[in-house]
PDB file of N, CA and C in Angstrom:
ATOM      1  N   UNK A   1    -113.360 -35.520  31.321  1.00  0.00           N
ATOM      2  CA  UNK A   1    -113.309 -36.474  32.410  1.00  0.00           C
ATOM      3  C   UNK A   1    -114.008 -35.859  33.621  1.00  0.00           C
ATOM      4  N   UNK A   2    -114.714 -36.687  34.339  1.00  0.00           N
ATOM      5  CA  UNK A   2    -115.418 -36.229  35.532  1.00  0.00           C
ATOM      6  C   UNK A   2    -114.782 -36.871  36.758  1.00  0.00           C
ATOM      7  N   UNK A   3    -114.275 -36.034  37.647  1.00  0.00           N
ATOM      8  CA  UNK A   3    -113.718 -36.495  38.923  1.00  0.00           C
ATOM      9  C   UNK A   3    -114.696 -36.133  40.027  1.00  0.00           C
ATOM     10  N   UNK A   4    -115.086 -37.126  40.825  1.00  0.00           N
ATOM     11  CA  UNK A   4    -115.998 -36.871  41.937  1.00  0.00           C
ATOM     12  C   UNK A   4    -115.213 -36.929  43.241  1.00  0.00           C
ATOM     13  N   UNK A   5    -115.271 -35.897  44.062  1.00  0.00           N
ATOM     14  CA  UNK A   5    -114.558 -35.936  45.341  1.00  0.00           C
ATOM     15  C   UNK A   5    -115.209 -36.938  46.299  1.00  0.00           C
ATOM     16  N   UNK A   6    -114.369 -37.621  47.051  1.00  0.00           N
ATOM     17  CA  UNK A   6    -114.835 -38.582  48.047  1.00  0.00           C
ATOM     18  C   UNK A   6    -114.704 -37.915  49.412  1.00  0.00           C
ATOM     19  N   UNK A   7    -115.776 -37.990  50.220  1.00  0.00           N
ATOM     20  CA  UNK A   7    -115.789 -37.269  51.495  1.00  0.00           C
ATOM     21  C   UNK A   7    -115.933 -38.208  52.681  1.00  0.00           C
ATOM     22  N   UNK A   8    -115.165 -39.268  52.684  1.00  0.00           N
ATOM     23  CA  UNK A   8    -115.172 -40.161  53.839  1.00  0.00           C
ATOM     24  C   UNK A   8    -114.331 -39.547  54.959  1.00  0.00           C
ATOM     25  N   UNK A   9    -114.423 -40.135  56.130  1.00  0.00           N
ATOM     26  CA  UNK A   9    -113.652 -39.630  57.266  1.00  0.00           C
ATOM     27  C   UNK A   9    -112.153 -39.707  56.983  1.00  0.00           C
ATOM     28  N   UNK A  10    -111.731 -40.817  56.365  1.00  0.00           N
ATOM     29  CA  UNK A  10    -110.321 -40.981  56.031  1.00  0.00           C
ATOM     30  C   UNK A  10    -109.872 -39.928  55.012  1.00  0.00           C
ATOM     31  N   UNK A  11    -110.715 -39.648  54.032  1.00  0.00           N
ATOM     32  CA  UNK A  11    -110.364 -38.666  52.999  1.00  0.00           C
ATOM     33  C   UNK A  11    -110.210 -37.272  53.587  1.00  0.00           C
ATOM     34  N   UNK A  12    -111.091 -36.914  54.520  1.00  0.00           N
ATOM     35  CA  UNK A  12    -111.001 -35.598  55.152  1.00  0.00           C
ATOM     36  C   UNK A  12    -109.749 -35.506  56.015  1.00  0.00           C
ATOM     37  N   UNK A  13    -109.391 -36.582  56.689  1.00  0.00           N
ATOM     38  CA  UNK A  13    -108.165 -36.595  57.502  1.00  0.00           C
ATOM     39  C   UNK A  13    -106.932 -36.425  56.617  1.00  0.00           C
ATOM     40  N   UNK A  14    -106.943 -37.062  55.446  1.00  0.00           N
ATOM     41  CA  UNK A  14    -105.800 -36.959  54.530  1.00  0.00           C
ATOM     42  C   UNK A  14    -105.622 -35.539  54.000  1.00  0.00           C
ATOM     43  N   UNK A  15    -106.707 -34.791  53.901  1.00  0.00           N
ATOM     44  CA  UNK A  15    -106.610 -33.393  53.463  1.00  0.00           C
ATOM     45  C   UNK A  15    -105.771 -32.604  54.458  1.00  0.00           C
ATOM     46  N   UNK A  16    -106.041 -32.806  55.743  1.00  0.00           N
ATOM     47  CA  UNK A  16    -105.315 -32.075  56.785  1.00  0.00           C
ATOM     48  C   UNK A  16    -103.885 -32.571  56.955  1.00  0.00           C
ATOM     49  N   UNK A  17    -103.711 -33.884  57.002  1.00  0.00           N
ATOM     50  CA  UNK A  17    -102.417 -34.467  57.353  1.00  0.00           C
ATOM     51  C   UNK A  17    -101.449 -34.515  56.167  1.00  0.00           C
ATOM     52  N   UNK A  18    -101.923 -35.007  55.011  1.00  0.00           N
ATOM     53  CA  UNK A  18    -101.032 -35.284  53.884  1.00  0.00           C
ATOM     54  C   UNK A  18    -101.158 -34.319  52.708  1.00  0.00           C
ATOM     55  N   UNK A  19    -102.074 -33.336  52.793  1.00  0.00           N
ATOM     56  CA  UNK A  19    -102.324 -32.419  51.676  1.00  0.00           C
ATOM     57  C   UNK A  19    -102.732 -33.208  50.428  1.00  0.00           C
ATOM     58  N   UNK A  20    -103.609 -34.219  50.646  1.00  0.00           N
ATOM     59  CA  UNK A  20    -104.021 -35.130  49.593  1.00  0.00           C
ATOM     60  C   UNK A  20    -105.535 -35.133  49.458  1.00  0.00           C
ATOM     61  N   UNK A  21    -106.002 -35.118  48.219  1.00  0.00           N
ATOM     62  CA  UNK A  21    -107.429 -35.204  47.924  1.00  0.00           C
ATOM     63  C   UNK A  21    -107.735 -36.574  47.338  1.00  0.00           C
ATOM     64  N   UNK A  22    -108.933 -37.083  47.596  1.00  0.00           N
ATOM     65  CA  UNK A  22    -109.354 -38.377  47.075  1.00  0.00           C
ATOM     66  C   UNK A  22    -110.516 -38.161  46.121  1.00  0.00           C
ATOM     67  N   UNK A  23    -110.374 -38.689  44.892  1.00  0.00           N
ATOM     68  CA  UNK A  23    -111.405 -38.558  43.873  1.00  0.00           C
ATOM     69  C   UNK A  23    -111.784 -39.931  43.346  1.00  0.00           C
ATOM     70  N   UNK A  24    -113.043 -40.055  42.933  1.00  0.00           N
ATOM     71  CA  UNK A  24    -113.470 -41.216  42.167  1.00  0.00           C
ATOM     72  C   UNK A  24    -113.327 -40.831  40.701  1.00  0.00           C
ATOM     73  N   UNK A  25    -112.605 -41.651  39.938  1.00  0.00           N
ATOM     74  CA  UNK A  25    -112.284 -41.328  38.548  1.00  0.00           C
ATOM     75  C   UNK A  25    -112.863 -42.401  37.622  1.00  0.00           C
ATOM     76  N   UNK A  26    -113.002 -42.083  36.342  1.00  0.00           N
ATOM     77  CA  UNK A  26    -113.440 -43.103  35.385  1.00  0.00           C
ATOM     78  C   UNK A  26    -112.438 -44.242  35.303  1.00  0.00           C
ATOM     79  N   UNK A  27    -112.941 -45.451  35.069  1.00  0.00           N
ATOM     80  CA  UNK A  27    -112.077 -46.637  35.050  1.00  0.00           C
ATOM     81  C   UNK A  27    -111.003 -46.570  33.968  1.00  0.00           C
ATOM     82  N   UNK A  28    -111.293 -45.930  32.842  1.00  0.00           N
ATOM     83  CA  UNK A  28    -110.340 -45.921  31.732  1.00  0.00           C
ATOM     84  C   UNK A  28    -109.328 -44.780  31.816  1.00  0.00           C
ATOM     85  N   UNK A  29    -109.378 -43.958  32.865  1.00  0.00           N
ATOM     86  CA  UNK A  29    -108.434 -42.849  32.998  1.00  0.00           C
ATOM     87  C   UNK A  29    -107.108 -43.352  33.567  1.00  0.00           C
ATOM     88  N   UNK A  30    -106.029 -42.655  33.214  1.00  0.00           N
ATOM     89  CA  UNK A  30    -104.721 -43.022  33.754  1.00  0.00           C
ATOM     90  C   UNK A  30    -104.165 -41.857  34.574  1.00  0.00           C
ATOM     91  N   UNK A  31    -103.049 -42.089  35.232  1.00  0.00           N
ATOM     92  CA  UNK A  31    -102.485 -41.107  36.157  1.00  0.00           C
ATOM     93  C   UNK A  31    -102.164 -39.764  35.511  1.00  0.00           C
ATOM     94  N   UNK A  32    -101.510 -39.734  34.334  1.00  0.00           N
ATOM     95  CA  UNK A  32    -101.239 -38.425  33.721  1.00  0.00           C
ATOM     96  C   UNK A  32    -102.511 -37.641  33.388  1.00  0.00           C
ATOM     97  N   UNK A  33    -103.560 -38.340  32.961  1.00  0.00           N
ATOM     98  CA  UNK A  33    -104.825 -37.661  32.668  1.00  0.00           C
ATOM     99  C   UNK A  33    -105.425 -37.052  33.931  1.00  0.00           C
ATOM    100  N   UNK A  34    -105.412 -37.797  35.020  1.00  0.00           N
ATOM    101  CA  UNK A  34    -105.962 -37.319  36.287  1.00  0.00           C
ATOM    102  C   UNK A  34    -105.169 -36.111  36.771  1.00  0.00           C
ATOM    103  N   UNK A  35    -103.844 -36.213  36.697  1.00  0.00           N
ATOM    104  CA  UNK A  35    -102.983 -35.100  37.129  1.00  0.00           C
ATOM    105  C   UNK A  35    -103.284 -33.845  36.322  1.00  0.00           C
ATOM    106  N   UNK A  36    -103.362 -33.976  35.010  1.00  0.00           N
ATOM    107  CA  UNK A  36    -103.624 -32.834  34.140  1.00  0.00           C
ATOM    108  C   UNK A  36    -104.990 -32.224  34.432  1.00  0.00           C
ATOM    109  N   UNK A  37    -105.995 -33.059  34.645  1.00  0.00           N
ATOM    110  CA  UNK A  37    -107.349 -32.578  34.927  1.00  0.00           C
ATOM    111  C   UNK A  37    -107.400 -31.769  36.215  1.00  0.00           C
ATOM    112  N   UNK A  38    -106.776 -32.286  37.286  1.00  0.00           N
ATOM    113  CA  UNK A  38    -106.783 -31.585  38.575  1.00  0.00           C
ATOM    114  C   UNK A  38    -106.023 -30.271  38.464  1.00  0.00           C
ATOM    115  N   UNK A  39    -104.878 -30.283  37.794  1.00  0.00           N
ATOM    116  CA  UNK A  39    -104.093 -29.050  37.644  1.00  0.00           C
ATOM    117  C   UNK A  39    -104.848 -28.000  36.844  1.00  0.00           C
ATOM    118  N   UNK A  40    -105.555 -28.411  35.801  1.00  0.00           N
ATOM    119  CA  UNK A  40    -106.287 -27.451  34.965  1.00  0.00           C
ATOM    120  C   UNK A  40    -107.528 -26.904  35.658  1.00  0.00           C
ATOM    121  N   UNK A  41    -108.280 -27.758  36.317  1.00  0.00           N
ATOM    122  CA  UNK A  41    -109.544 -27.337  36.916  1.00  0.00           C
ATOM    123  C   UNK A  41    -109.321 -26.465  38.144  1.00  0.00           C
ATOM    124  N   UNK A  42    -108.352 -26.832  39.000  1.00  0.00           N
ATOM    125  CA  UNK A  42    -108.173 -26.137  40.268  1.00  0.00           C
ATOM    126  C   UNK A  42    -106.985 -25.179  40.303  1.00  0.00           C
ATOM    127  N   UNK A  43    -106.210 -25.089  39.221  1.00  0.00           N
ATOM    128  CA  UNK A  43    -105.026 -24.219  39.155  1.00  0.00           C
ATOM    129  C   UNK A  43    -104.058 -24.488  40.302  1.00  0.00           C
ATOM    130  N   UNK A  44    -103.692 -25.747  40.480  1.00  0.00           N
ATOM    131  CA  UNK A  44    -102.757 -26.162  41.519  1.00  0.00           C
ATOM    132  C   UNK A  44    -101.659 -27.000  40.878  1.00  0.00           C
ATOM    133  N   UNK A  45    -100.607 -27.274  41.645  1.00  0.00           N
ATOM    134  CA  UNK A  45     -99.518 -28.134  41.202  1.00  0.00           C
ATOM    135  C   UNK A  45     -99.651 -29.476  41.909  1.00  0.00           C
ATOM    136  N   UNK A  46     -99.710 -30.563  41.148  1.00  0.00           N
ATOM    137  CA  UNK A  46     -99.847 -31.907  41.694  1.00  0.00           C
ATOM    138  C   UNK A  46     -98.472 -32.556  41.764  1.00  0.00           C
ATOM    139  N   UNK A  47     -98.128 -33.096  42.941  1.00  0.00           N
ATOM    140  CA  UNK A  47     -96.852 -33.786  43.110  1.00  0.00           C
ATOM    141  C   UNK A  47     -96.940 -35.251  42.700  1.00  0.00           C
ATOM    142  N   UNK A  48     -98.041 -35.925  43.082  1.00  0.00           N
ATOM    143  CA  UNK A  48     -98.105 -37.364  42.881  1.00  0.00           C
ATOM    144  C   UNK A  48     -99.550 -37.809  42.777  1.00  0.00           C
ATOM    145  N   UNK A  49     -99.798 -38.829  41.959  1.00  0.00           N
ATOM    146  CA  UNK A  49    -101.120 -39.436  41.840  1.00  0.00           C
ATOM    147  C   UNK A  49    -100.973 -40.933  42.062  1.00  0.00           C
ATOM    148  N   UNK A  50    -101.768 -41.460  42.977  1.00  0.00           N
ATOM    149  CA  UNK A  50    -101.829 -42.905  43.218  1.00  0.00           C
ATOM    150  C   UNK A  50    -103.255 -43.356  42.958  1.00  0.00           C
ATOM    151  N   UNK A  51    -103.420 -44.496  42.296  1.00  0.00           N
ATOM    152  CA  UNK A  51    -104.758 -44.980  41.980  1.00  0.00           C
ATOM    153  C   UNK A  51    -104.938 -46.403  42.477  1.00  0.00           C
ATOM    154  N   UNK A  52    -106.201 -46.770  42.697  1.00  0.00           N
ATOM    155  CA  UNK A  52    -106.547 -48.150  42.988  1.00  0.00           C
ATOM    156  C   UNK A  52    -107.985 -48.400  42.565  1.00  0.00           C
ATOM    157  N   UNK A  53    -108.287 -49.680  42.310  1.00  0.00           N
ATOM    158  CA  UNK A  53    -109.621 -50.064  41.876  1.00  0.00           C
ATOM    159  C   UNK A  53    -110.234 -50.931  42.956  1.00  0.00           C
ATOM    160  N   UNK A  54    -111.474 -50.583  43.335  1.00  0.00           N
ATOM    161  CA  UNK A  54    -112.195 -51.350  44.345  1.00  0.00           C
ATOM    162  C   UNK A  54    -113.673 -51.346  43.969  1.00  0.00           C
ATOM    163  N   UNK A  55    -114.292 -52.518  43.996  1.00  0.00           N
ATOM    164  CA  UNK A  55    -115.707 -52.650  43.657  1.00  0.00           C
ATOM    165  C   UNK A  55    -116.031 -52.036  42.302  1.00  0.00           C
ATOM    166  N   UNK A  56    -115.163 -52.282  41.328  1.00  0.00           N
ATOM    167  CA  UNK A  56    -115.326 -51.799  39.958  1.00  0.00           C
ATOM    168  C   UNK A  56    -115.357 -50.275  39.853  1.00  0.00           C
ATOM    169  N   UNK A  57    -114.780 -49.597  40.828  1.00  0.00           N
ATOM    170  CA  UNK A  57    -114.635 -48.141  40.794  1.00  0.00           C
ATOM    171  C   UNK A  57    -113.162 -47.805  40.947  1.00  0.00           C
ATOM    172  N   UNK A  58    -112.723 -46.772  40.277  1.00  0.00           N
ATOM    173  CA  UNK A  58    -111.330 -46.346  40.358  1.00  0.00           C
ATOM    174  C   UNK A  58    -111.242 -45.106  41.233  1.00  0.00           C
ATOM    175  N   UNK A  59    -110.311 -45.135  42.160  1.00  0.00           N
ATOM    176  CA  UNK A  59    -110.094 -44.010  43.065  1.00  0.00           C
ATOM    177  C   UNK A  59    -108.683 -43.472  42.850  1.00  0.00           C
ATOM    178  N   UNK A  60    -108.536 -42.158  43.007  1.00  0.00           N
ATOM    179  CA  UNK A  60    -107.237 -41.519  42.805  1.00  0.00           C
ATOM    180  C   UNK A  60    -106.904 -40.657  44.019  1.00  0.00           C
ATOM    181  N   UNK A  61    -105.760 -40.953  44.633  1.00  0.00           N
ATOM    182  CA  UNK A  61    -105.211 -40.094  45.682  1.00  0.00           C
ATOM    183  C   UNK A  61    -104.327 -39.068  44.985  1.00  0.00           C
ATOM    184  N   UNK A  62    -104.664 -37.790  45.119  1.00  0.00           N
ATOM    185  CA  UNK A  62    -103.929 -36.722  44.445  1.00  0.00           C
ATOM    186  C   UNK A  62    -103.219 -35.895  45.499  1.00  0.00           C
ATOM    187  N   UNK A  63    -101.889 -36.044  45.567  1.00  0.00           N
ATOM    188  CA  UNK A  63    -101.087 -35.287  46.533  1.00  0.00           C
ATOM    189  C   UNK A  63    -100.674 -33.975  45.886  1.00  0.00           C
ATOM    190  N   UNK A  64    -101.030 -32.883  46.551  1.00  0.00           N
ATOM    191  CA  UNK A  64    -100.736 -31.560  46.018  1.00  0.00           C
ATOM    192  C   UNK A  64     -99.403 -31.039  46.534  1.00  0.00           C
ATOM    193  N   UNK A  65     -98.854 -30.083  45.801  1.00  0.00           N
ATOM    194  CA  UNK A  65     -97.630 -29.412  46.207  1.00  0.00           C
ATOM    195  C   UNK A  65     -97.881 -28.636  47.496  1.00  0.00           C
ATOM    196  N   UNK A  66     -96.834 -28.419  48.270  1.00  0.00           N
ATOM    197  CA  UNK A  66     -96.972 -27.706  49.544  1.00  0.00           C
ATOM    198  C   UNK A  66     -97.508 -26.289  49.362  1.00  0.00           C
ATOM    199  N   UNK A  67     -97.243 -25.692  48.207  1.00  0.00           N
ATOM    200  CA  UNK A  67     -97.698 -24.330  47.949  1.00  0.00           C
ATOM    201  C   UNK A  67     -99.192 -24.271  47.639  1.00  0.00           C
ATOM    202  N   UNK A  68     -99.799 -25.431  47.395  1.00  0.00           N
ATOM    203  CA  UNK A  68    -101.228 -25.509  47.071  1.00  0.00           C
ATOM    204  C   UNK A  68    -101.951 -26.282  48.174  1.00  0.00           C
ATOM    205  N   UNK A  69    -102.507 -25.602  49.158  1.00  0.00           N
ATOM    206  CA  UNK A  69    -103.173 -26.319  50.250  1.00  0.00           C
ATOM    207  C   UNK A  69    -104.452 -27.021  49.791  1.00  0.00           C
ATOM    208  N   UNK A  70    -104.558 -28.282  50.126  1.00  0.00           N
ATOM    209  CA  UNK A  70    -105.727 -29.080  49.756  1.00  0.00           C
ATOM    210  C   UNK A  70    -106.978 -28.602  50.473  1.00  0.00           C
ATOM    211  N   UNK A  71    -106.813 -28.002  51.633  1.00  0.00           N
ATOM    212  CA  UNK A  71    -107.967 -27.527  52.402  1.00  0.00           C
ATOM    213  C   UNK A  71    -108.729 -26.452  51.631  1.00  0.00           C
ATOM    214  N   UNK A  72    -108.031 -25.622  50.846  1.00  0.00           N
ATOM    215  CA  UNK A  72    -108.689 -24.587  50.061  1.00  0.00           C
ATOM    216  C   UNK A  72    -109.577 -25.200  48.976  1.00  0.00           C
ATOM    217  N   UNK A  73    -109.081 -26.229  48.313  1.00  0.00           N
ATOM    218  CA  UNK A  73    -109.860 -26.893  47.274  1.00  0.00           C
ATOM    219  C   UNK A  73    -111.034 -27.641  47.887  1.00  0.00           C
ATOM    220  N   UNK A  74    -110.801 -28.291  49.026  1.00  0.00           N
ATOM    221  CA  UNK A  74    -111.882 -29.018  49.702  1.00  0.00           C
ATOM    222  C   UNK A  74    -112.992 -28.060  50.114  1.00  0.00           C
ATOM    223  N   UNK A  75    -112.633 -26.870  50.533  1.00  0.00           N
ATOM    224  CA  UNK A  75    -113.635 -25.867  50.917  1.00  0.00           C
ATOM    225  C   UNK A  75    -114.431 -25.424  49.691  1.00  0.00           C
ATOM    226  N   UNK A  76    -113.765 -25.220  48.557  1.00  0.00           N
ATOM    227  CA  UNK A  76    -114.452 -24.836  47.325  1.00  0.00           C
ATOM    228  C   UNK A  76    -115.430 -25.918  46.876  1.00  0.00           C
ATOM    229  N   UNK A  77    -115.045 -27.187  47.085  1.00  0.00           N
ATOM    230  CA  UNK A  77    -115.891 -28.309  46.671  1.00  0.00           C
ATOM    231  C   UNK A  77    -116.994 -28.610  47.665  1.00  0.00           C
ATOM    232  N   UNK A  78    -116.968 -27.957  48.816  1.00  0.00           N
ATOM    233  CA  UNK A  78    -117.981 -28.182  49.834  1.00  0.00           C
ATOM    234  C   UNK A  78    -117.741 -29.423  50.684  1.00  0.00           C
ATOM    235  N   UNK A  79    -116.507 -29.893  50.710  1.00  0.00           N
ATOM    236  CA  UNK A  79    -116.167 -31.085  51.494  1.00  0.00           C
ATOM    237  C   UNK A  79    -115.952 -30.755  52.957  1.00  0.00           C
ATOM    238  N   UNK A  80    -115.614 -29.529  53.264  1.00  0.00           N
ATOM    239  CA  UNK A  80    -115.315 -29.131  54.637  1.00  0.00           C
ATOM    240  C   UNK A  80    -116.391 -28.209  55.159  1.00  0.00           C
TER     241      UNK A  80
END
């Protein structure tokens, strides 16, 4: 599965405020798959995944555990 990070102004604000990352995910993926992918790729603990579909694209809000700062992952991905 390929997750693409979204770098809108709102997404960057959510990294700081909510410890949440926003990804564009494949339409056929489900929440457990997204959670497992993020945990395996970035070695973090995911608390919650919320998804929505807009303009035939699926987006996933991935809230990380407090022990795993989202800012570190965003820096690795070049979002910050």
